[in-house]
Amino acid sequence: MAWLEDGGLNANIHWAQQTSICPLPVSSPDFVGRVENLDEDLGTLVGKLFPDQRYDKPATRERDRQQAASKLHAYYDEDLMRRVFALYGMDFEELGYDGALPSQ
């Protein structure tokens, strides 16, 4: 986290704020899908792009999943959430993410 705070944020696009790498204003598209909702959001996107086609939800690969949600409290505390929000606040605000650490 200290490395990101000291300028590493833009050293690799994987760390960059999503709003800074979006090729158009986040408010422009009528739908923004999220990786964490991929199963549902992909169906919505496919329906918008191909309204006359039937969408069959793809099989989800369970192998090699990281189970990040179950590990959240092992790594994040209120101080770290504050620091993350300081770096990625624009993403939280413009993309509608909650800036609070969810309860266990």
PDB file of N, CA and C in Angstrom:
ATOM      1  N   MET A   1       0.828  -1.187   0.000  1.00  0.00           N
ATOM      2  CA  MET A   1       0.000   0.000   0.000  1.00  0.00           C
ATOM      3  C   MET A   1       0.873   1.251   0.000  1.00  0.00           C
ATOM      4  N   ALA A   2       1.939   1.205   0.781  1.00  0.00           N
ATOM      5  CA  ALA A   2       2.840   2.360   0.830  1.00  0.00           C
ATOM      6  C   ALA A   2       3.441   2.632  -0.550  1.00  0.00           C
ATOM      7  N   TRP A   3       3.767   1.587  -1.294  1.00  0.00           N
ATOM      8  CA  TRP A   3       4.328   1.746  -2.636  1.00  0.00           C
ATOM      9  C   TRP A   3       3.325   2.450  -3.541  1.00  0.00           C
ATOM     10  N   LEU A   4       2.051   2.067  -3.477  1.00  0.00           N
ATOM     11  CA  LEU A   4       1.024   2.737  -4.276  1.00  0.00           C
ATOM     12  C   LEU A   4       0.898   4.196  -3.871  1.00  0.00           C
ATOM     13  N   GLU A   5       0.914   4.457  -2.574  1.00  0.00           N
ATOM     14  CA  GLU A   5       0.794   5.827  -2.076  1.00  0.00           C
ATOM     15  C   GLU A   5       1.992   6.682  -2.462  1.00  0.00           C
ATOM     16  N   ASP A   6       3.151   6.050  -2.666  1.00  0.00           N
ATOM     17  CA  ASP A   6       4.367   6.785  -3.018  1.00  0.00           C
ATOM     18  C   ASP A   6       4.569   6.917  -4.526  1.00  0.00           C
ATOM     19  N   GLY A   7       3.528   6.687  -5.315  1.00  0.00           N
ATOM     20  CA  GLY A   7       3.618   6.892  -6.757  1.00  0.00           C
ATOM     21  C   GLY A   7       3.503   5.643  -7.595  1.00  0.00           C
ATOM     22  N   GLY A   8       3.455   4.473  -6.977  1.00  0.00           N
ATOM     23  CA  GLY A   8       3.360   3.232  -7.734  1.00  0.00           C
ATOM     24  C   GLY A   8       2.022   3.023  -8.423  1.00  0.00           C
ATOM     25  N   LEU A   9       1.050   3.834  -8.071  1.00  0.00           N
ATOM     26  CA  LEU A   9      -0.296   3.699  -8.609  1.00  0.00           C
ATOM     27  C   LEU A   9      -0.305   3.670 -10.134  1.00  0.00           C
ATOM     28  N   ASN A  10       0.547   4.433 -10.754  1.00  0.00           N
ATOM     29  CA  ASN A  10       0.576   4.499 -12.219  1.00  0.00           C
ATOM     30  C   ASN A  10       1.742   3.743 -12.839  1.00  0.00           C
ATOM     31  N   ALA A  11       2.421   2.932 -12.054  1.00  0.00           N
ATOM     32  CA  ALA A  11       3.549   2.160 -12.575  1.00  0.00           C
ATOM     33  C   ALA A  11       3.087   0.966 -13.402  1.00  0.00           C
ATOM     34  N   ASN A  12       1.846   0.528 -13.176  1.00  0.00           N
ATOM     35  CA  ASN A  12       1.310  -0.633 -13.873  1.00  0.00           C
ATOM     36  C   ASN A  12      -0.188  -0.399 -14.013  1.00  0.00           C
ATOM     37  N   ILE A  13      -0.728  -0.625 -15.186  1.00  0.00           N
ATOM     38  CA  ILE A  13      -2.144  -0.337 -15.429  1.00  0.00           C
ATOM     39  C   ILE A  13      -3.063  -1.144 -14.515  1.00  0.00           C
ATOM     40  N   HIS A  14      -2.599  -2.269 -13.991  1.00  0.00           N
ATOM     41  CA  HIS A  14      -3.427  -3.071 -13.090  1.00  0.00           C
ATOM     42  C   HIS A  14      -3.720  -2.340 -11.782  1.00  0.00           C
ATOM     43  N   TRP A  15      -2.886  -1.391 -11.405  1.00  0.00           N
ATOM     44  CA  TRP A  15      -3.083  -0.629 -10.173  1.00  0.00           C
ATOM     45  C   TRP A  15      -3.809   0.686 -10.419  1.00  0.00           C
ATOM     46  N   ALA A  16      -3.889   1.124 -11.649  1.00  0.00           N
ATOM     47  CA  ALA A  16      -4.456   2.437 -11.972  1.00  0.00           C
ATOM     48  C   ALA A  16      -5.934   2.513 -11.614  1.00  0.00           C
ATOM     49  N   GLN A  17      -6.391   3.714 -11.308  1.00  0.00           N
ATOM     50  CA  GLN A  17      -7.812   3.916 -11.067  1.00  0.00           C
ATOM     51  C   GLN A  17      -8.580   3.589 -12.349  1.00  0.00           C
ATOM     52  N   GLN A  18      -9.675   2.869 -12.209  1.00  0.00           N
ATOM     53  CA  GLN A  18     -10.477   2.492 -13.375  1.00  0.00           C
ATOM     54  C   GLN A  18     -10.979   3.722 -14.116  1.00  0.00           C
ATOM     55  N   THR A  19     -11.363   4.747 -13.363  1.00  0.00           N
ATOM     56  CA  THR A  19     -11.875   5.964 -13.999  1.00  0.00           C
ATOM     57  C   THR A  19     -10.801   6.693 -14.797  1.00  0.00           C
ATOM     58  N   SER A  20      -9.535   6.489 -14.456  1.00  0.00           N
ATOM     59  CA  SER A  20      -8.464   7.166 -15.190  1.00  0.00           C
ATOM     60  C   SER A  20      -8.113   6.459 -16.492  1.00  0.00           C
ATOM     61  N   ILE A  21      -8.479   5.199 -16.633  1.00  0.00           N
ATOM     62  CA  ILE A  21      -8.141   4.462 -17.855  1.00  0.00           C
ATOM     63  C   ILE A  21      -9.355   4.216 -18.748  1.00  0.00           C
ATOM     64  N   CYS A  22     -10.528   4.625 -18.291  1.00  0.00           N
ATOM     65  CA  CYS A  22     -11.735   4.475 -19.094  1.00  0.00           C
ATOM     66  C   CYS A  22     -11.641   5.437 -20.277  1.00  0.00           C
ATOM     67  N   PRO A  23     -11.870   4.966 -21.508  1.00  0.00           N
ATOM     68  CA  PRO A  23     -11.680   5.829 -22.682  1.00  0.00           C
ATOM     69  C   PRO A  23     -12.754   6.901 -22.860  1.00  0.00           C
ATOM     70  N   LEU A  24     -13.801   6.863 -22.050  1.00  0.00           N
ATOM     71  CA  LEU A  24     -14.842   7.882 -22.115  1.00  0.00           C
ATOM     72  C   LEU A  24     -15.385   8.107 -20.716  1.00  0.00           C
ATOM     73  N   PRO A  25     -16.107   9.188 -20.497  1.00  0.00           N
ATOM     74  CA  PRO A  25     -16.628   9.430 -19.151  1.00  0.00           C
ATOM     75  C   PRO A  25     -17.481   8.253 -18.664  1.00  0.00           C
ATOM     76  N   VAL A  26     -17.337   7.902 -17.405  1.00  0.00           N
ATOM     77  CA  VAL A  26     -18.057   6.765 -16.843  1.00  0.00           C
ATOM     78  C   VAL A  26     -19.569   6.964 -16.966  1.00  0.00           C
ATOM     79  N   SER A  27     -20.019   8.202 -16.982  1.00  0.00           N
ATOM     80  CA  SER A  27     -21.448   8.478 -17.085  1.00  0.00           C
ATOM     81  C   SER A  27     -21.990   8.285 -18.508  1.00  0.00           C
ATOM     82  N   SER A  28     -21.130   8.126 -19.503  1.00  0.00           N
ATOM     83  CA  SER A  28     -21.570   8.017 -20.897  1.00  0.00           C
ATOM     84  C   SER A  28     -22.308   6.717 -21.226  1.00  0.00           C
ATOM     85  N   PRO A  29     -21.775   5.554 -20.886  1.00  0.00           N
ATOM     86  CA  PRO A  29     -22.485   4.324 -21.255  1.00  0.00           C
ATOM     87  C   PRO A  29     -23.765   4.153 -20.430  1.00  0.00           C
ATOM     88  N   ASP A  30     -24.732   3.459 -21.005  1.00  0.00           N
ATOM     89  CA  ASP A  30     -25.971   3.217 -20.267  1.00  0.00           C
ATOM     90  C   ASP A  30     -25.869   1.972 -19.381  1.00  0.00           C
ATOM     91  N   PHE A  31     -24.733   1.284 -19.450  1.00  0.00           N
ATOM     92  CA  PHE A  31     -24.525   0.110 -18.597  1.00  0.00           C
ATOM     93  C   PHE A  31     -23.031  -0.089 -18.393  1.00  0.00           C
ATOM     94  N   VAL A  32     -22.638  -0.335 -17.150  1.00  0.00           N
ATOM     95  CA  VAL A  32     -21.254  -0.662 -16.826  1.00  0.00           C
ATOM     96  C   VAL A  32     -21.279  -1.970 -16.056  1.00  0.00           C
ATOM     97  N   GLY A  33     -20.722  -3.020 -16.647  1.00  0.00           N
ATOM     98  CA  GLY A  33     -20.664  -4.316 -15.979  1.00  0.00           C
ATOM     99  C   GLY A  33     -19.505  -4.364 -15.003  1.00  0.00           C
ATOM    100  N   ARG A  34     -19.603  -5.280 -14.062  1.00  0.00           N
ATOM    101  CA  ARG A  34     -18.559  -5.441 -13.051  1.00  0.00           C
ATOM    102  C   ARG A  34     -18.098  -6.891 -12.999  1.00  0.00           C
ATOM    103  N   VAL A  35     -16.822  -7.080 -12.837  1.00  0.00           N
ATOM    104  CA  VAL A  35     -16.273  -8.430 -12.761  1.00  0.00           C
ATOM    105  C   VAL A  35     -16.926  -9.214 -11.628  1.00  0.00           C
ATOM    106  N   GLU A  36     -17.158  -8.552 -10.496  1.00  0.00           N
ATOM    107  CA  GLU A  36     -17.724  -9.264  -9.352  1.00  0.00           C
ATOM    108  C   GLU A  36     -19.176  -9.679  -9.576  1.00  0.00           C
ATOM    109  N   ASN A  37     -19.814  -9.155 -10.617  1.00  0.00           N
ATOM    110  CA  ASN A  37     -21.180  -9.544 -10.995  1.00  0.00           C
ATOM    111  C   ASN A  37     -21.206 -10.120 -12.401  1.00  0.00           C
ATOM    112  N   LEU A  38     -20.103 -10.715 -12.819  1.00  0.00           N
ATOM    113  CA  LEU A  38     -19.935 -11.122 -14.214  1.00  0.00           C
ATOM    114  C   LEU A  38     -21.065 -12.010 -14.715  1.00  0.00           C
ATOM    115  N   ASP A  39     -21.497 -12.975 -13.931  1.00  0.00           N
ATOM    116  CA  ASP A  39     -22.540 -13.885 -14.401  1.00  0.00           C
ATOM    117  C   ASP A  39     -23.807 -13.128 -14.801  1.00  0.00           C
ATOM    118  N   GLU A  40     -24.250 -12.192 -13.972  1.00  0.00           N
ATOM    119  CA  GLU A  40     -25.453 -11.425 -14.274  1.00  0.00           C
ATOM    120  C   GLU A  40     -25.188 -10.337 -15.309  1.00  0.00           C
ATOM    121  N   ASP A  41     -24.085  -9.612 -15.132  1.00  0.00           N
ATOM    122  CA  ASP A  41     -23.810  -8.470 -15.995  1.00  0.00           C
ATOM    123  C   ASP A  41     -23.513  -8.878 -17.433  1.00  0.00           C
ATOM    124  N   LEU A  42     -22.903 -10.026 -17.626  1.00  0.00           N
ATOM    125  CA  LEU A  42     -22.629 -10.494 -18.983  1.00  0.00           C
ATOM    126  C   LEU A  42     -23.945 -10.760 -19.711  1.00  0.00           C
ATOM    127  N   GLY A  43     -24.918 -11.329 -19.010  1.00  0.00           N
ATOM    128  CA  GLY A  43     -26.229 -11.548 -19.610  1.00  0.00           C
ATOM    129  C   GLY A  43     -26.895 -10.247 -20.019  1.00  0.00           C
ATOM    130  N   THR A  44     -26.795  -9.232 -19.166  1.00  0.00           N
ATOM    131  CA  THR A  44     -27.359  -7.920 -19.473  1.00  0.00           C
ATOM    132  C   THR A  44     -26.674  -7.319 -20.697  1.00  0.00           C
ATOM    133  N   LEU A  45     -25.350  -7.378 -20.727  1.00  0.00           N
ATOM    134  CA  LEU A  45     -24.600  -6.811 -21.845  1.00  0.00           C
ATOM    135  C   LEU A  45     -24.919  -7.526 -23.155  1.00  0.00           C
ATOM    136  N   VAL A  46     -24.937  -8.841 -23.131  1.00  0.00           N
ATOM    137  CA  VAL A  46     -25.243  -9.606 -24.342  1.00  0.00           C
ATOM    138  C   VAL A  46     -26.662  -9.277 -24.820  1.00  0.00           C
ATOM    139  N   GLY A  47     -27.602  -9.133 -23.865  1.00  0.00           N
ATOM    140  CA  GLY A  47     -28.969  -8.769 -24.235  1.00  0.00           C
ATOM    141  C   GLY A  47     -29.065  -7.404 -24.883  1.00  0.00           C
ATOM    142  N   LYS A  48     -28.238  -6.466 -24.431  1.00  0.00           N
ATOM    143  CA  LYS A  48     -28.230  -5.123 -25.026  1.00  0.00           C
ATOM    144  C   LYS A  48     -27.596  -5.138 -26.424  1.00  0.00           C
ATOM    145  N   LEU A  49     -26.546  -5.930 -26.591  1.00  0.00           N
ATOM    146  CA  LEU A  49     -25.840  -5.965 -27.870  1.00  0.00           C
ATOM    147  C   LEU A  49     -26.556  -6.823 -28.910  1.00  0.00           C
ATOM    148  N   PHE A  50     -27.166  -7.902 -28.455  1.00  0.00           N
ATOM    149  CA  PHE A  50     -27.807  -8.856 -29.360  1.00  0.00           C
ATOM    150  C   PHE A  50     -29.214  -9.178 -28.854  1.00  0.00           C
ATOM    151  N   PRO A  51     -30.132  -8.220 -28.935  1.00  0.00           N
ATOM    152  CA  PRO A  51     -31.454  -8.402 -28.326  1.00  0.00           C
ATOM    153  C   PRO A  51     -32.264  -9.557 -28.919  1.00  0.00           C
ATOM    154  N   ASP A  52     -31.970  -9.972 -30.129  1.00  0.00           N
ATOM    155  CA  ASP A  52     -32.736 -11.048 -30.756  1.00  0.00           C
ATOM    156  C   ASP A  52     -32.136 -12.433 -30.522  1.00  0.00           C
ATOM    157  N   GLN A  53     -31.049 -12.480 -29.772  1.00  0.00           N
ATOM    158  CA  GLN A  53     -30.375 -13.757 -29.534  1.00  0.00           C
ATOM    159  C   GLN A  53     -30.685 -14.272 -28.130  1.00  0.00           C
ATOM    160  N   ARG A  54     -30.757 -15.575 -28.000  1.00  0.00           N
ATOM    161  CA  ARG A  54     -30.943 -16.200 -26.692  1.00  0.00           C
ATOM    162  C   ARG A  54     -29.579 -16.282 -26.008  1.00  0.00           C
ATOM    163  N   TYR A  55     -29.544 -15.911 -24.753  1.00  0.00           N
ATOM    164  CA  TYR A  55     -28.288 -15.955 -23.993  1.00  0.00           C
ATOM    165  C   TYR A  55     -28.319 -17.121 -23.021  1.00  0.00           C
ATOM    166  N   ASP A  56     -27.351 -17.996 -23.147  1.00  0.00           N
ATOM    167  CA  ASP A  56     -27.194 -19.097 -22.201  1.00  0.00           C
ATOM    168  C   ASP A  56     -26.013 -18.780 -21.316  1.00  0.00           C
ATOM    169  N   LYS A  57     -26.291 -18.685 -20.054  1.00  0.00           N
ATOM    170  CA  LYS A  57     -25.235 -18.383 -19.082  1.00  0.00           C
ATOM    171  C   LYS A  57     -24.120 -19.429 -19.200  1.00  0.00           C
ATOM    172  N   PRO A  58     -22.875 -18.967 -19.355  1.00  0.00           N
ATOM    173  CA  PRO A  58     -21.772 -19.929 -19.497  1.00  0.00           C
ATOM    174  C   PRO A  58     -21.499 -20.674 -18.193  1.00  0.00           C
ATOM    175  N   ALA A  59     -20.912 -21.836 -18.334  1.00  0.00           N
ATOM    176  CA  ALA A  59     -20.510 -22.597 -17.153  1.00  0.00           C
ATOM    177  C   ALA A  59     -19.408 -21.824 -16.436  1.00  0.00           C
ATOM    178  N   THR A  60     -19.503 -21.732 -15.143  1.00  0.00           N
ATOM    179  CA  THR A  60     -18.522 -21.001 -14.349  1.00  0.00           C
ATOM    180  C   THR A  60     -17.439 -21.948 -13.867  1.00  0.00           C
ATOM    181  N   ARG A  61     -16.222 -21.557 -14.064  1.00  0.00           N
ATOM    182  CA  ARG A  61     -15.085 -22.363 -13.618  1.00  0.00           C
ATOM    183  C   ARG A  61     -14.848 -22.099 -12.138  1.00  0.00           C
ATOM    184  N   GLU A  62     -14.919 -23.113 -11.338  1.00  0.00           N
ATOM    185  CA  GLU A  62     -14.699 -22.972  -9.899  1.00  0.00           C
ATOM    186  C   GLU A  62     -13.234 -23.193  -9.514  1.00  0.00           C
ATOM    187  N   ARG A  63     -12.524 -23.968 -10.290  1.00  0.00           N
ATOM    188  CA  ARG A  63     -11.120 -24.260  -9.990  1.00  0.00           C
ATOM    189  C   ARG A  63     -10.291 -22.979 -10.071  1.00  0.00           C
ATOM    190  N   ASP A  64      -9.374 -22.796  -9.185  1.00  0.00           N
ATOM    191  CA  ASP A  64      -8.440 -21.668  -9.151  1.00  0.00           C
ATOM    192  C   ASP A  64      -9.073 -20.343  -8.731  1.00  0.00           C
ATOM    193  N   ARG A  65     -10.299 -20.355  -8.254  1.00  0.00           N
ATOM    194  CA  ARG A  65     -10.875 -19.124  -7.721  1.00  0.00           C
ATOM    195  C   ARG A  65     -10.170 -18.777  -6.425  1.00  0.00           C
ATOM    196  N   GLN A  66     -10.027 -17.495  -6.167  1.00  0.00           N
ATOM    197  CA  GLN A  66      -9.269 -17.037  -5.000  1.00  0.00           C
ATOM    198  C   GLN A  66     -10.125 -16.848  -3.748  1.00  0.00           C
ATOM    199  N   GLN A  67     -11.442 -16.864  -3.879  1.00  0.00           N
ATOM    200  CA  GLN A  67     -12.348 -16.668  -2.733  1.00  0.00           C
ATOM    201  C   GLN A  67     -12.019 -15.374  -1.983  1.00  0.00           C
ATOM    202  N   ALA A  68     -11.814 -14.313  -2.731  1.00  0.00           N
ATOM    203  CA  ALA A  68     -11.379 -13.035  -2.156  1.00  0.00           C
ATOM    204  C   ALA A  68     -12.352 -12.497  -1.107  1.00  0.00           C
ATOM    205  N   ALA A  69     -13.646 -12.629  -1.343  1.00  0.00           N
ATOM    206  CA  ALA A  69     -14.619 -12.076  -0.401  1.00  0.00           C
ATOM    207  C   ALA A  69     -14.476 -12.701   0.978  1.00  0.00           C
ATOM    208  N   SER A  70     -14.172 -13.988   1.036  1.00  0.00           N
ATOM    209  CA  SER A  70     -14.040 -14.644   2.337  1.00  0.00           C
ATOM    210  C   SER A  70     -12.744 -14.263   3.055  1.00  0.00           C
ATOM    211  N   LYS A  71     -11.793 -13.674   2.337  1.00  0.00           N
ATOM    212  CA  LYS A  71     -10.503 -13.289   2.915  1.00  0.00           C
ATOM    213  C   LYS A  71     -10.426 -11.797   3.247  1.00  0.00           C
ATOM    214  N   LEU A  72     -11.481 -11.072   2.920  1.00  0.00           N
ATOM    215  CA  LEU A  72     -11.464  -9.615   3.051  1.00  0.00           C
ATOM    216  C   LEU A  72     -11.027  -9.149   4.427  1.00  0.00           C
ATOM    217  N   HIS A  73     -11.618  -9.669   5.480  1.00  0.00           N
ATOM    218  CA  HIS A  73     -11.323  -9.193   6.833  1.00  0.00           C
ATOM    219  C   HIS A  73      -9.962  -9.652   7.351  1.00  0.00           C
ATOM    220  N   ALA A  74      -9.369 -10.628   6.707  1.00  0.00           N
ATOM    221  CA  ALA A  74      -8.020 -11.047   7.095  1.00  0.00           C
ATOM    222  C   ALA A  74      -6.979 -10.018   6.652  1.00  0.00           C
ATOM    223  N   TYR A  75      -7.319  -9.204   5.646  1.00  0.00           N
ATOM    224  CA  TYR A  75      -6.363  -8.258   5.097  1.00  0.00           C
ATOM    225  C   TYR A  75      -6.744  -6.802   5.303  1.00  0.00           C
ATOM    226  N   TYR A  76      -8.041  -6.507   5.328  1.00  0.00           N
ATOM    227  CA  TYR A  76      -8.497  -5.123   5.414  1.00  0.00           C
ATOM    228  C   TYR A  76      -8.988  -4.784   6.809  1.00  0.00           C
ATOM    229  N   ASP A  77      -8.619  -3.602   7.253  1.00  0.00           N
ATOM    230  CA  ASP A  77      -9.185  -3.039   8.471  1.00  0.00           C
ATOM    231  C   ASP A  77      -9.628  -1.609   8.103  1.00  0.00           C
ATOM    232  N   GLU A  78     -10.154  -0.898   9.053  1.00  0.00           N
ATOM    233  CA  GLU A  78     -10.667   0.449   8.760  1.00  0.00           C
ATOM    234  C   GLU A  78      -9.580   1.393   8.243  1.00  0.00           C
ATOM    235  N   ASP A  79      -8.364   1.287   8.795  1.00  0.00           N
ATOM    236  CA  ASP A  79      -7.274   2.158   8.340  1.00  0.00           C
ATOM    237  C   ASP A  79      -6.913   1.864   6.889  1.00  0.00           C
ATOM    238  N   LEU A  80      -6.814   0.593   6.544  1.00  0.00           N
ATOM    239  CA  LEU A  80      -6.474   0.245   5.163  1.00  0.00           C
ATOM    240  C   LEU A  80      -7.593   0.677   4.214  1.00  0.00           C
ATOM    241  N   MET A  81      -8.837   0.501   4.612  1.00  0.00           N
ATOM    242  CA  MET A  81      -9.943   0.950   3.765  1.00  0.00           C
ATOM    243  C   MET A  81      -9.871   2.461   3.545  1.00  0.00           C
ATOM    244  N   ARG A  82      -9.513   3.211   4.575  1.00  0.00           N
ATOM    245  CA  ARG A  82      -9.375   4.664   4.435  1.00  0.00           C
ATOM    246  C   ARG A  82      -8.285   4.999   3.422  1.00  0.00           C
ATOM    247  N   ARG A  83      -7.164   4.275   3.496  1.00  0.00           N
ATOM    248  CA  ARG A  83      -6.050   4.518   2.573  1.00  0.00           C
ATOM    249  C   ARG A  83      -6.435   4.139   1.139  1.00  0.00           C
ATOM    250  N   VAL A  84      -7.133   3.027   0.989  1.00  0.00           N
ATOM    251  CA  VAL A  84      -7.583   2.608  -0.342  1.00  0.00           C
ATOM    252  C   VAL A  84      -8.548   3.648  -0.908  1.00  0.00           C
ATOM    253  N   PHE A  85      -9.468   4.112  -0.079  1.00  0.00           N
ATOM    254  CA  PHE A  85     -10.421   5.115  -0.540  1.00  0.00           C
ATOM    255  C   PHE A  85      -9.715   6.408  -0.931  1.00  0.00           C
ATOM    256  N   ALA A  86      -8.666   6.758  -0.224  1.00  0.00           N
ATOM    257  CA  ALA A  86      -7.909   7.965  -0.570  1.00  0.00           C
ATOM    258  C   ALA A  86      -7.302   7.851  -1.969  1.00  0.00           C
ATOM    259  N   LEU A  87      -6.848   6.667  -2.337  1.00  0.00           N
ATOM    260  CA  LEU A  87      -6.253   6.468  -3.662  1.00  0.00           C
ATOM    261  C   LEU A  87      -7.296   6.254  -4.754  1.00  0.00           C
ATOM    262  N   TYR A  88      -8.347   5.536  -4.426  1.00  0.00           N
ATOM    263  CA  TYR A  88      -9.329   5.132  -5.430  1.00  0.00           C
ATOM    264  C   TYR A  88     -10.697   5.773  -5.208  1.00  0.00           C
ATOM    265  N   GLY A  89     -10.732   6.883  -4.506  1.00  0.00           N
ATOM    266  CA  GLY A  89     -11.994   7.547  -4.189  1.00  0.00           C
ATOM    267  C   GLY A  89     -12.843   7.865  -5.403  1.00  0.00           C
ATOM    268  N   MET A  90     -12.217   8.306  -6.491  1.00  0.00           N
ATOM    269  CA  MET A  90     -12.968   8.632  -7.706  1.00  0.00           C
ATOM    270  C   MET A  90     -13.670   7.385  -8.245  1.00  0.00           C
ATOM    271  N   ASP A  91     -12.990   6.242  -8.203  1.00  0.00           N
ATOM    272  CA  ASP A  91     -13.620   4.995  -8.648  1.00  0.00           C
ATOM    273  C   ASP A  91     -14.812   4.646  -7.764  1.00  0.00           C
ATOM    274  N   PHE A  92     -14.627   4.759  -6.451  1.00  0.00           N
ATOM    275  CA  PHE A  92     -15.728   4.462  -5.526  1.00  0.00           C
ATOM    276  C   PHE A  92     -16.926   5.344  -5.842  1.00  0.00           C
ATOM    277  N   GLU A  93     -16.680   6.625  -6.031  1.00  0.00           N
ATOM    278  CA  GLU A  93     -17.775   7.574  -6.247  1.00  0.00           C
ATOM    279  C   GLU A  93     -18.423   7.414  -7.615  1.00  0.00           C
ATOM    280  N   GLU A  94     -17.624   7.427  -8.669  1.00  0.00           N
ATOM    281  CA  GLU A  94     -18.186   7.402 -10.023  1.00  0.00           C
ATOM    282  C   GLU A  94     -18.727   6.040 -10.426  1.00  0.00           C
ATOM    283  N   LEU A  95     -18.186   4.971  -9.864  1.00  0.00           N
ATOM    284  CA  LEU A  95     -18.648   3.629 -10.217  1.00  0.00           C
ATOM    285  C   LEU A  95     -19.632   3.062  -9.201  1.00  0.00           C
ATOM    286  N   GLY A  96     -19.907   3.831  -8.158  1.00  0.00           N
ATOM    287  CA  GLY A  96     -20.938   3.435  -7.213  1.00  0.00           C
ATOM    288  C   GLY A  96     -20.550   2.367  -6.218  1.00  0.00           C
ATOM    289  N   TYR A  97     -19.268   2.242  -5.931  1.00  0.00           N
ATOM    290  CA  TYR A  97     -18.831   1.268  -4.919  1.00  0.00           C
ATOM    291  C   TYR A  97     -18.990   1.856  -3.521  1.00  0.00           C
ATOM    292  N   ASP A  98     -19.326   1.011  -2.579  1.00  0.00           N
ATOM    293  CA  ASP A  98     -19.447   1.411  -1.186  1.00  0.00           C
ATOM    294  C   ASP A  98     -18.036   1.550  -0.603  1.00  0.00           C
ATOM    295  N   GLY A  99     -17.773   2.647   0.059  1.00  0.00           N
ATOM    296  CA  GLY A  99     -16.450   2.878   0.633  1.00  0.00           C
ATOM    297  C   GLY A  99     -16.256   2.316   2.019  1.00  0.00           C
ATOM    298  N   ALA A 100     -17.247   1.612   2.558  1.00  0.00           N
ATOM    299  CA  ALA A 100     -17.154   1.050   3.901  1.00  0.00           C
ATOM    300  C   ALA A 100     -16.773  -0.425   3.848  1.00  0.00           C
ATOM    301  N   LEU A 101     -16.064  -0.849   4.854  1.00  0.00           N
ATOM    302  CA  LEU A 101     -15.697  -2.262   4.971  1.00  0.00           C
ATOM    303  C   LEU A 101     -16.936  -3.035   5.407  1.00  0.00           C
ATOM    304  N   PRO A 102     -17.394  -4.012   4.622  1.00  0.00           N
ATOM    305  CA  PRO A 102     -18.608  -4.744   5.001  1.00  0.00           C
ATOM    306  C   PRO A 102     -18.416  -5.513   6.303  1.00  0.00           C
ATOM    307  N   SER A 103     -19.508  -5.708   7.033  1.00  0.00           N
ATOM    308  CA  SER A 103     -19.415  -6.481   8.276  1.00  0.00           C
ATOM    309  C   SER A 103     -19.216  -7.951   7.940  1.00  0.00           C
ATOM    310  N   GLN A 104     -18.666  -8.669   8.906  1.00  0.00           N
ATOM    311  CA  GLN A 104     -18.369 -10.089   8.673  1.00  0.00           C
ATOM    312  C   GLN A 104     -19.614 -10.919   8.700  1.00  0.00           C
TER     313      GLN A 104
END
